[in-house]
C-alpha cells in the first residue's frame, strides 16, 4: 500500500462519525436512508462523510432506482491492516548499535 493511500484511509477513519458509518456497514450493505436513520443524521451531513470515505476508497456505492447503497471495501481494510502490520514488525526489530 502506498503511503498516500494509507494516509487517506487513516484520515477517513479518524472521524468518530465515519467510524460509526464503518461499524454500521460492517453488518453489510445499507441504503443511505437506512444510514441516516441508524445514525440519526441529516442526509446532507452524512453525504459529506460518505464522499470522504468514497474518495479514500474505503466504501463503494451503487445506485438502484432512486436509492444509493453503500458497502465497505474489505480489500481496503485488509491493505491498511497489512500496512500497519509492516510498521508494527519494524517496531520489533532491535535497535542498531549506537555511535
PDB file of N, CA and C in Angstrom:
ATOM      1  N   UNK A   1       0.844  -1.172   0.000  1.00  0.00           N
ATOM      2  CA  UNK A   1       0.000   0.000   0.000  1.00  0.00           C
ATOM      3  C   UNK A   1       0.890   1.236   0.000  1.00  0.00           C
ATOM      4  N   UNK A   2       0.557   2.181  -0.840  1.00  0.00           N
ATOM      5  CA  UNK A   2       1.304   3.427  -0.903  1.00  0.00           C
ATOM      6  C   UNK A   2       0.985   4.282   0.320  1.00  0.00           C
ATOM      7  N   UNK A   3       1.960   5.071   0.714  1.00  0.00           N
ATOM      8  CA  UNK A   3       1.793   5.910   1.902  1.00  0.00           C
ATOM      9  C   UNK A   3       0.614   6.868   1.760  1.00  0.00           C
ATOM     10  N   UNK A   4       0.420   7.435   0.578  1.00  0.00           N
ATOM     11  CA  UNK A   4      -0.696   8.367   0.368  1.00  0.00           C
ATOM     12  C   UNK A   4      -2.044   7.666   0.539  1.00  0.00           C
ATOM     13  N   UNK A   5      -2.141   6.450   0.045  1.00  0.00           N
ATOM     14  CA  UNK A   5      -3.389   5.700   0.208  1.00  0.00           C
ATOM     15  C   UNK A   5      -3.640   5.407   1.688  1.00  0.00           C
ATOM     16  N   UNK A   6      -2.608   5.036   2.412  1.00  0.00           N
ATOM     17  CA  UNK A   6      -2.738   4.793   3.851  1.00  0.00           C
ATOM     18  C   UNK A   6      -3.166   6.069   4.560  1.00  0.00           C
ATOM     19  N   UNK A   7      -2.591   7.199   4.167  1.00  0.00           N
ATOM     20  CA  UNK A   7      -2.937   8.484   4.770  1.00  0.00           C
ATOM     21  C   UNK A   7      -4.415   8.800   4.548  1.00  0.00           C
ATOM     22  N   UNK A   8      -4.905   8.578   3.333  1.00  0.00           N
ATOM     23  CA  UNK A   8      -6.320   8.835   3.035  1.00  0.00           C
ATOM     24  C   UNK A   8      -7.240   7.936   3.852  1.00  0.00           C
ATOM     25  N   UNK A   9      -6.890   6.666   3.960  1.00  0.00           N
ATOM     26  CA  UNK A   9      -7.715   5.745   4.746  1.00  0.00           C
ATOM     27  C   UNK A   9      -7.715   6.124   6.219  1.00  0.00           C
ATOM     28  N   UNK A  10      -6.550   6.442   6.747  1.00  0.00           N
ATOM     29  CA  UNK A  10      -6.469   6.828   8.156  1.00  0.00           C
ATOM     30  C   UNK A  10      -7.233   8.128   8.414  1.00  0.00           C
ATOM     31  N   UNK A  11      -7.162   9.069   7.479  1.00  0.00           N
ATOM     32  CA  UNK A  11      -7.914  10.315   7.613  1.00  0.00           C
ATOM     33  C   UNK A  11      -9.415  10.031   7.586  1.00  0.00           C
ATOM     34  N   UNK A  12      -9.826   9.127   6.708  1.00  0.00           N
ATOM     35  CA  UNK A  12     -11.252   8.781   6.624  1.00  0.00           C
ATOM     36  C   UNK A  12     -11.731   8.091   7.892  1.00  0.00           C
ATOM     37  N   UNK A  13     -10.872   7.322   8.520  1.00  0.00           N
ATOM     38  CA  UNK A  13     -11.249   6.593   9.733  1.00  0.00           C
ATOM     39  C   UNK A  13     -11.077   7.420  11.002  1.00  0.00           C
ATOM     40  N   UNK A  14     -10.445   8.592  10.907  1.00  0.00           N
ATOM     41  CA  UNK A  14     -10.136   9.382  12.096  1.00  0.00           C
ATOM     42  C   UNK A  14     -11.348  10.090  12.692  1.00  0.00           C
ATOM     43  N   UNK A  15     -12.382  10.268  11.912  1.00  0.00           N
ATOM     44  CA  UNK A  15     -13.560  10.988  12.393  1.00  0.00           C
ATOM     45  C   UNK A  15     -14.509  10.034  13.116  1.00  0.00           C
ATOM     46  N   UNK A  16     -14.972  10.381  14.309  1.00  0.00           N
ATOM     47  CA  UNK A  16     -15.870   9.492  15.061  1.00  0.00           C
ATOM     48  C   UNK A  16     -17.147   9.129  14.307  1.00  0.00           C
ATOM     49  N   UNK A  17     -17.698  10.078  13.555  1.00  0.00           N
ATOM     50  CA  UNK A  17     -18.919   9.781  12.807  1.00  0.00           C
ATOM     51  C   UNK A  17     -18.652   8.776  11.692  1.00  0.00           C
ATOM     52  N   UNK A  18     -17.508   8.927  11.037  1.00  0.00           N
ATOM     53  CA  UNK A  18     -17.171   7.978   9.970  1.00  0.00           C
ATOM     54  C   UNK A  18     -16.893   6.595  10.538  1.00  0.00           C
ATOM     55  N   UNK A  19     -16.367   6.531  11.756  1.00  0.00           N
ATOM     56  CA  UNK A  19     -16.212   5.227  12.406  1.00  0.00           C
ATOM     57  C   UNK A  19     -17.575   4.595  12.673  1.00  0.00           C
ATOM     58  N   UNK A  20     -18.558   5.405  13.011  1.00  0.00           N
ATOM     59  CA  UNK A  20     -19.914   4.883  13.196  1.00  0.00           C
ATOM     60  C   UNK A  20     -20.457   4.335  11.882  1.00  0.00           C
ATOM     61  N   UNK A  21     -20.170   5.017  10.785  1.00  0.00           N
ATOM     62  CA  UNK A  21     -20.590   4.532   9.463  1.00  0.00           C
ATOM     63  C   UNK A  21     -19.923   3.194   9.170  1.00  0.00           C
ATOM     64  N   UNK A  22     -18.630   3.084   9.464  1.00  0.00           N
ATOM     65  CA  UNK A  22     -17.907   1.827   9.245  1.00  0.00           C
ATOM     66  C   UNK A  22     -18.561   0.706  10.050  1.00  0.00           C
ATOM     67  N   UNK A  23     -18.864   0.990  11.305  1.00  0.00           N
ATOM     68  CA  UNK A  23     -19.490  -0.040  12.132  1.00  0.00           C
ATOM     69  C   UNK A  23     -20.863  -0.419  11.592  1.00  0.00           C
ATOM     70  N   UNK A  24     -21.632   0.552  11.143  1.00  0.00           N
ATOM     71  CA  UNK A  24     -22.952   0.256  10.578  1.00  0.00           C
ATOM     72  C   UNK A  24     -22.819  -0.601   9.321  1.00  0.00           C
ATOM     73  N   UNK A  25     -21.837  -0.268   8.484  1.00  0.00           N
ATOM     74  CA  UNK A  25     -21.657  -1.013   7.234  1.00  0.00           C
ATOM     75  C   UNK A  25     -20.967  -2.357   7.437  1.00  0.00           C
ATOM     76  N   UNK A  26     -20.397  -2.579   8.608  1.00  0.00           N
ATOM     77  CA  UNK A  26     -19.739  -3.857   8.856  1.00  0.00           C
ATOM     78  C   UNK A  26     -20.746  -5.013   8.863  1.00  0.00           C
ATOM     79  N   UNK A  27     -22.012  -4.695   9.048  1.00  0.00           N
ATOM     80  CA  UNK A  27     -23.062  -5.715   9.017  1.00  0.00           C
ATOM     81  C   UNK A  27     -23.538  -5.990   7.594  1.00  0.00           C
ATOM     82  N   UNK A  28     -23.094  -5.175   6.642  1.00  0.00           N
ATOM     83  CA  UNK A  28     -23.482  -5.376   5.250  1.00  0.00           C
ATOM     84  C   UNK A  28     -23.921  -4.077   4.600  1.00  0.00           C
ATOM     85  N   UNK A  29     -24.270  -4.177   3.353  1.00  0.00           N
ATOM     86  CA  UNK A  29     -24.661  -3.027   2.548  1.00  0.00           C
ATOM     87  C   UNK A  29     -25.915  -2.361   3.114  1.00  0.00           C
ATOM     88  N   UNK A  30     -25.909  -1.014   3.089  1.00  0.00           N
ATOM     89  CA  UNK A  30     -27.060  -0.254   3.569  1.00  0.00           C
ATOM     90  C   UNK A  30     -27.370   0.883   2.607  1.00  0.00           C
ATOM     91  N   UNK A  31     -28.644   1.186   2.515  1.00  0.00           N
ATOM     92  CA  UNK A  31     -29.114   2.330   1.748  1.00  0.00           C
ATOM     93  C   UNK A  31     -28.798   3.591   2.542  1.00  0.00           C
ATOM     94  N   UNK A  32     -28.589   4.693   1.848  1.00  0.00           N
ATOM     95  CA  UNK A  32     -28.295   5.946   2.535  1.00  0.00           C
ATOM     96  C   UNK A  32     -29.427   6.320   3.486  1.00  0.00           C
ATOM     97  N   UNK A  33     -30.653   5.984   3.146  1.00  0.00           N
ATOM     98  CA  UNK A  33     -31.770   6.291   4.044  1.00  0.00           C
ATOM     99  C   UNK A  33     -31.678   5.475   5.335  1.00  0.00           C
ATOM    100  N   UNK A  34     -31.196   4.243   5.242  1.00  0.00           N
ATOM    101  CA  UNK A  34     -31.001   3.411   6.439  1.00  0.00           C
ATOM    102  C   UNK A  34     -29.875   3.964   7.308  1.00  0.00           C
ATOM    103  N   UNK A  35     -28.823   4.455   6.657  1.00  0.00           N
ATOM    104  CA  UNK A  35     -27.708   5.044   7.406  1.00  0.00           C
ATOM    105  C   UNK A  35     -28.146   6.302   8.145  1.00  0.00           C
ATOM    106  N   UNK A  36     -28.902   7.166   7.471  1.00  0.00           N
ATOM    107  CA  UNK A  36     -29.360   8.390   8.139  1.00  0.00           C
ATOM    108  C   UNK A  36     -30.235   8.055   9.335  1.00  0.00           C
ATOM    109  N   UNK A  37     -31.064   7.049   9.183  1.00  0.00           N
ATOM    110  CA  UNK A  37     -31.951   6.652  10.289  1.00  0.00           C
ATOM    111  C   UNK A  37     -31.145   6.045  11.444  1.00  0.00           C
ATOM    112  N   UNK A  38     -30.246   5.118  11.125  1.00  0.00           N
ATOM    113  CA  UNK A  38     -29.451   4.459  12.171  1.00  0.00           C
ATOM    114  C   UNK A  38     -28.566   5.439  12.937  1.00  0.00           C
ATOM    115  N   UNK A  39     -27.994   6.391  12.214  1.00  0.00           N
ATOM    116  CA  UNK A  39     -27.042   7.308  12.828  1.00  0.00           C
ATOM    117  C   UNK A  39     -27.687   8.598  13.315  1.00  0.00           C
ATOM    118  N   UNK A  40     -28.956   8.798  12.976  1.00  0.00           N
ATOM    119  CA  UNK A  40     -29.658   9.999  13.407  1.00  0.00           C
ATOM    120  C   UNK A  40     -29.080  11.267  12.812  1.00  0.00           C
ATOM    121  N   UNK A  41     -28.729  11.230  11.531  1.00  0.00           N
ATOM    122  CA  UNK A  41     -28.099  12.370  10.867  1.00  0.00           C
ATOM    123  C   UNK A  41     -28.956  12.878   9.720  1.00  0.00           C
ATOM    124  N   UNK A  42     -28.781  14.138   9.408  1.00  0.00           N
ATOM    125  CA  UNK A  42     -29.379  14.691   8.199  1.00  0.00           C
ATOM    126  C   UNK A  42     -28.608  14.133   7.004  1.00  0.00           C
ATOM    127  N   UNK A  43     -29.301  13.922   5.908  1.00  0.00           N
ATOM    128  CA  UNK A  43     -28.654  13.339   4.736  1.00  0.00           C
ATOM    129  C   UNK A  43     -27.519  14.226   4.224  1.00  0.00           C
ATOM    130  N   UNK A  44     -27.672  15.537   4.305  1.00  0.00           N
ATOM    131  CA  UNK A  44     -26.610  16.434   3.823  1.00  0.00           C
ATOM    132  C   UNK A  44     -25.325  16.261   4.629  1.00  0.00           C
ATOM    133  N   UNK A  45     -25.441  16.111   5.933  1.00  0.00           N
ATOM    134  CA  UNK A  45     -24.254  15.911   6.777  1.00  0.00           C
ATOM    135  C   UNK A  45     -23.624  14.555   6.496  1.00  0.00           C
ATOM    136  N   UNK A  46     -24.442  13.531   6.353  1.00  0.00           N
ATOM    137  CA  UNK A  46     -23.937  12.191   6.066  1.00  0.00           C
ATOM    138  C   UNK A  46     -23.261  12.150   4.697  1.00  0.00           C
ATOM    139  N   UNK A  47     -23.837  12.847   3.720  1.00  0.00           N
ATOM    140  CA  UNK A  47     -23.279  12.835   2.362  1.00  0.00           C
ATOM    141  C   UNK A  47     -21.844  13.319   2.334  1.00  0.00           C
ATOM    142  N   UNK A  48     -21.525  14.350   3.122  1.00  0.00           N
ATOM    143  CA  UNK A  48     -20.145  14.836   3.189  1.00  0.00           C
ATOM    144  C   UNK A  48     -19.213  13.724   3.649  1.00  0.00           C
ATOM    145  N   UNK A  49     -19.582  13.031   4.701  1.00  0.00           N
ATOM    146  CA  UNK A  49     -18.731  11.981   5.256  1.00  0.00           C
ATOM    147  C   UNK A  49     -18.622  10.792   4.293  1.00  0.00           C
ATOM    148  N   UNK A  50     -19.701  10.456   3.630  1.00  0.00           N
ATOM    149  CA  UNK A  50     -19.665   9.363   2.655  1.00  0.00           C
ATOM    150  C   UNK A  50     -18.746   9.718   1.491  1.00  0.00           C
ATOM    151  N   UNK A  51     -18.740  10.987   1.088  1.00  0.00           N
ATOM    152  CA  UNK A  51     -17.860  11.411  -0.005  1.00  0.00           C
ATOM    153  C   UNK A  51     -16.396  11.246   0.401  1.00  0.00           C
ATOM    154  N   UNK A  52     -16.051  11.650   1.620  1.00  0.00           N
ATOM    155  CA  UNK A  52     -14.680  11.490   2.112  1.00  0.00           C
ATOM    156  C   UNK A  52     -14.293  10.010   2.093  1.00  0.00           C
ATOM    157  N   UNK A  53     -15.199   9.156   2.534  1.00  0.00           N
ATOM    158  CA  UNK A  53     -14.919   7.719   2.588  1.00  0.00           C
ATOM    159  C   UNK A  53     -14.802   7.115   1.193  1.00  0.00           C
ATOM    160  N   UNK A  54     -15.606   7.601   0.252  1.00  0.00           N
ATOM    161  CA  UNK A  54     -15.508   7.114  -1.135  1.00  0.00           C
ATOM    162  C   UNK A  54     -14.194   7.554  -1.764  1.00  0.00           C
ATOM    163  N   UNK A  55     -13.793   8.805  -1.534  1.00  0.00           N
ATOM    164  CA  UNK A  55     -12.535   9.309  -2.093  1.00  0.00           C
ATOM    165  C   UNK A  55     -11.343   8.537  -1.555  1.00  0.00           C
ATOM    166  N   UNK A  56     -11.442   8.059  -0.323  1.00  0.00           N
ATOM    167  CA  UNK A  56     -10.381   7.247   0.271  1.00  0.00           C
ATOM    168  C   UNK A  56     -10.478   5.788  -0.174  1.00  0.00           C
ATOM    169  N   UNK A  57     -11.487   5.478  -0.955  1.00  0.00           N
ATOM    170  CA  UNK A  57     -11.757   4.123  -1.452  1.00  0.00           C
ATOM    171  C   UNK A  57     -12.010   3.141  -0.319  1.00  0.00           C
ATOM    172  N   UNK A  58     -12.595   3.647   0.767  1.00  0.00           N
ATOM    173  CA  UNK A  58     -12.956   2.824   1.910  1.00  0.00           C
ATOM    174  C   UNK A  58     -14.319   2.172   1.703  1.00  0.00           C
ATOM    175  N   UNK A  59     -15.182   2.852   0.960  1.00  0.00           N
ATOM    176  CA  UNK A  59     -16.519   2.330   0.674  1.00  0.00           C
ATOM    177  C   UNK A  59     -16.803   2.423  -0.819  1.00  0.00           C
ATOM    178  N   UNK A  60     -17.814   1.666  -1.235  1.00  0.00           N
ATOM    179  CA  UNK A  60     -18.311   1.713  -2.609  1.00  0.00           C
ATOM    180  C   UNK A  60     -19.785   2.041  -2.557  1.00  0.00           C
ATOM    181  N   UNK A  61     -20.263   2.624  -3.634  1.00  0.00           N
ATOM    182  CA  UNK A  61     -21.681   2.944  -3.735  1.00  0.00           C
ATOM    183  C   UNK A  61     -22.233   2.350  -5.016  1.00  0.00           C
ATOM    184  N   UNK A  62     -23.484   1.965  -4.953  1.00  0.00           N
ATOM    185  CA  UNK A  62     -24.173   1.524  -6.173  1.00  0.00           C
ATOM    186  C   UNK A  62     -25.581   2.095  -6.139  1.00  0.00           C
ATOM    187  N   UNK A  63     -26.037   2.479  -7.288  1.00  0.00           N
ATOM    188  CA  UNK A  63     -27.377   3.044  -7.401  1.00  0.00           C
ATOM    189  C   UNK A  63     -28.351   1.956  -7.799  1.00  0.00           C
ATOM    190  N   UNK A  64     -29.507   2.001  -7.186  1.00  0.00           N
ATOM    191  CA  UNK A  64     -30.598   1.097  -7.550  1.00  0.00           C
ATOM    192  C   UNK A  64     -31.870   1.929  -7.510  1.00  0.00           C
ATOM    193  N   UNK A  65     -32.365   2.241  -8.691  1.00  0.00           N
ATOM    194  CA  UNK A  65     -33.508   3.134  -8.757  1.00  0.00           C
ATOM    195  C   UNK A  65     -33.093   4.513  -8.262  1.00  0.00           C
ATOM    196  N   UNK A  66     -33.854   5.050  -7.327  1.00  0.00           N
ATOM    197  CA  UNK A  66     -33.510   6.370  -6.795  1.00  0.00           C
ATOM    198  C   UNK A  66     -32.688   6.307  -5.519  1.00  0.00           C
ATOM    199  N   UNK A  67     -32.315   5.108  -5.098  1.00  0.00           N
ATOM    200  CA  UNK A  67     -31.562   4.936  -3.857  1.00  0.00           C
ATOM    201  C   UNK A  67     -30.106   4.615  -4.141  1.00  0.00           C
ATOM    202  N   UNK A  68     -29.256   4.997  -3.201  1.00  0.00           N
ATOM    203  CA  UNK A  68     -27.827   4.684  -3.281  1.00  0.00           C
ATOM    204  C   UNK A  68     -27.498   3.781  -2.096  1.00  0.00           C
ATOM    205  N   UNK A  69     -26.851   2.674  -2.396  1.00  0.00           N
ATOM    206  CA  UNK A  69     -26.462   1.705  -1.377  1.00  0.00           C
ATOM    207  C   UNK A  69     -24.946   1.755  -1.206  1.00  0.00           C
ATOM    208  N   UNK A  70     -24.515   1.683   0.046  1.00  0.00           N
ATOM    209  CA  UNK A  70     -23.091   1.740   0.370  1.00  0.00           C
ATOM    210  C   UNK A  70     -22.648   0.444   1.020  1.00  0.00           C
ATOM    211  N   UNK A  71     -21.381   0.102   0.765  1.00  0.00           N
ATOM    212  CA  UNK A  71     -20.782  -1.057   1.415  1.00  0.00           C
ATOM    213  C   UNK A  71     -19.303  -0.787   1.624  1.00  0.00           C
ATOM    214  N   UNK A  72     -18.755  -1.429   2.636  1.00  0.00           N
ATOM    215  CA  UNK A  72     -17.324  -1.335   2.888  1.00  0.00           C
ATOM    216  C   UNK A  72     -16.560  -2.075   1.809  1.00  0.00           C
ATOM    217  N   UNK A  73     -15.358  -1.639   1.538  1.00  0.00           N
ATOM    218  CA  UNK A  73     -14.456  -2.361   0.645  1.00  0.00           C
ATOM    219  C   UNK A  73     -13.481  -3.123   1.540  1.00  0.00           C
ATOM    220  N   UNK A  74     -13.728  -4.412   1.775  1.00  0.00           N
ATOM    221  CA  UNK A  74     -12.864  -5.170   2.681  1.00  0.00           C
ATOM    222  C   UNK A  74     -11.411  -5.164   2.241  1.00  0.00           C
ATOM    223  N   UNK A  75     -11.161  -5.094   0.943  1.00  0.00           N
ATOM    224  CA  UNK A  75      -9.779  -5.086   0.467  1.00  0.00           C
ATOM    225  C   UNK A  75      -9.036  -3.830   0.929  1.00  0.00           C
ATOM    226  N   UNK A  76      -9.735  -2.726   1.100  1.00  0.00           N
ATOM    227  CA  UNK A  76      -9.107  -1.501   1.614  1.00  0.00           C
ATOM    228  C   UNK A  76      -8.705  -1.694   3.069  1.00  0.00           C
ATOM    229  N   UNK A  77      -9.590  -2.288   3.848  1.00  0.00           N
ATOM    230  CA  UNK A  77      -9.280  -2.541   5.256  1.00  0.00           C
ATOM    231  C   UNK A  77      -8.151  -3.561   5.396  1.00  0.00           C
ATOM    232  N   UNK A  78      -8.145  -4.567   4.537  1.00  0.00           N
ATOM    233  CA  UNK A  78      -7.085  -5.579   4.583  1.00  0.00           C
ATOM    234  C   UNK A  78      -5.733  -4.974   4.195  1.00  0.00           C
ATOM    235  N   UNK A  79      -5.732  -4.096   3.190  1.00  0.00           N
ATOM    236  CA  UNK A  79      -4.481  -3.446   2.780  1.00  0.00           C
ATOM    237  C   UNK A  79      -3.954  -2.552   3.898  1.00  0.00           C
ATOM    238  N   UNK A  80      -4.853  -1.825   4.568  1.00  0.00           N
ATOM    239  CA  UNK A  80      -4.432  -0.982   5.683  1.00  0.00           C
ATOM    240  C   UNK A  80      -3.908  -1.828   6.832  1.00  0.00           C
ATOM    241  N   UNK A  81      -4.553  -2.945   7.075  1.00  0.00           N
ATOM    242  CA  UNK A  81      -4.105  -3.861   8.128  1.00  0.00           C
ATOM    243  C   UNK A  81      -2.696  -4.368   7.821  1.00  0.00           C
ATOM    244  N   UNK A  82      -2.444  -4.742   6.577  1.00  0.00           N
ATOM    245  CA  UNK A  82      -1.118  -5.232   6.188  1.00  0.00           C
ATOM    246  C   UNK A  82      -0.070  -4.125   6.308  1.00  0.00           C
ATOM    247  N   UNK A  83      -0.435  -2.910   5.928  1.00  0.00           N
ATOM    248  CA  UNK A  83       0.488  -1.781   6.029  1.00  0.00           C
ATOM    249  C   UNK A  83       0.854  -1.524   7.491  1.00  0.00           C
ATOM    250  N   UNK A  84      -0.142  -1.536   8.369  1.00  0.00           N
ATOM    251  CA  UNK A  84       0.107  -1.341   9.797  1.00  0.00           C
ATOM    252  C   UNK A  84       0.921  -2.492  10.388  1.00  0.00           C
ATOM    253  N   UNK A  85       0.680  -3.717   9.910  1.00  0.00           N
ATOM    254  CA  UNK A  85       1.449  -4.868  10.387  1.00  0.00           C
ATOM    255  C   UNK A  85       2.918  -4.708  10.018  1.00  0.00           C
ATOM    256  N   UNK A  86       3.193  -4.162   8.842  1.00  0.00           N
ATOM    257  CA  UNK A  86       4.574  -3.912   8.434  1.00  0.00           C
ATOM    258  C   UNK A  86       5.253  -2.900   9.347  1.00  0.00           C
ATOM    259  N   UNK A  87       4.515  -1.885   9.726  1.00  0.00           N
ATOM    260  CA  UNK A  87       5.060  -0.891  10.658  1.00  0.00           C
ATOM    261  C   UNK A  87       5.303  -1.529  12.021  1.00  0.00           C
ATOM    262  N   UNK A  88       4.342  -2.318  12.484  1.00  0.00           N
ATOM    263  CA  UNK A  88       4.482  -2.985  13.780  1.00  0.00           C
ATOM    264  C   UNK A  88       5.679  -3.934  13.771  1.00  0.00           C
ATOM    265  N   UNK A  89       5.888  -4.635  12.670  1.00  0.00           N
ATOM    266  CA  UNK A  89       7.024  -5.556  12.579  1.00  0.00           C
ATOM    267  C   UNK A  89       8.341  -4.804  12.699  1.00  0.00           C
ATOM    268  N   UNK A  90       8.409  -3.629  12.095  1.00  0.00           N
ATOM    269  CA  UNK A  90       9.618  -2.817  12.194  1.00  0.00           C
ATOM    270  C   UNK A  90       9.894  -2.344  13.606  1.00  0.00           C
ATOM    271  N   UNK A  91       8.839  -2.159  14.378  1.00  0.00           N
ATOM    272  CA  UNK A  91       8.996  -1.712  15.774  1.00  0.00           C
ATOM    273  C   UNK A  91       9.609  -2.807  16.651  1.00  0.00           C
ATOM    274  N   UNK A  92       9.500  -4.028  16.205  1.00  0.00           N
ATOM    275  CA  UNK A  92      10.012  -5.160  16.994  1.00  0.00           C
ATOM    276  C   UNK A  92      11.486  -5.436  16.733  1.00  0.00           C
ATOM    277  N   UNK A  93      12.052  -4.813  15.726  1.00  0.00           N
ATOM    278  CA  UNK A  93      13.459  -5.043  15.396  1.00  0.00           C
ATOM    279  C   UNK A  93      14.336  -4.418  16.468  1.00  0.00           C
ATOM    280  N   UNK A  94      15.458  -5.072  16.780  1.00  0.00           N
ATOM    281  CA  UNK A  94      16.356  -4.473  17.766  1.00  0.00           C
ATOM    282  C   UNK A  94      16.966  -3.185  17.216  1.00  0.00           C
ATOM    283  N   UNK A  95      17.257  -2.275  18.096  1.00  0.00           N
ATOM    284  CA  UNK A  95      17.872  -1.020  17.707  1.00  0.00           C
ATOM    285  C   UNK A  95      19.313  -1.270  17.251  1.00  0.00           C
ATOM    286  N   UNK A  96      19.768  -0.563  16.233  1.00  0.00           N
ATOM    287  CA  UNK A  96      21.166  -0.718  15.814  1.00  0.00           C
ATOM    288  C   UNK A  96      22.092  -0.174  16.898  1.00  0.00           C
ATOM    289  N   UNK A  97      23.327  -0.643  16.913  1.00  0.00           N
ATOM    290  CA  UNK A  97      24.276  -0.134  17.908  1.00  0.00           C
ATOM    291  C   UNK A  97      24.434   1.382  17.766  1.00  0.00           C
ATOM    292  N   UNK A  98      24.563   2.004  18.875  1.00  0.00           N
ATOM    293  CA  UNK A  98      24.659   3.468  18.897  1.00  0.00           C
ATOM    294  C   UNK A  98      26.122   3.901  18.789  1.00  0.00           C
ATOM    295  N   UNK A  99      26.331   4.950  18.086  1.00  0.00           N
ATOM    296  CA  UNK A  99      27.626   5.645  17.955  1.00  0.00           C
ATOM    297  C   UNK A  99      28.725   4.680  17.698  1.00  0.00           C
TER     298      UNK A  99
END
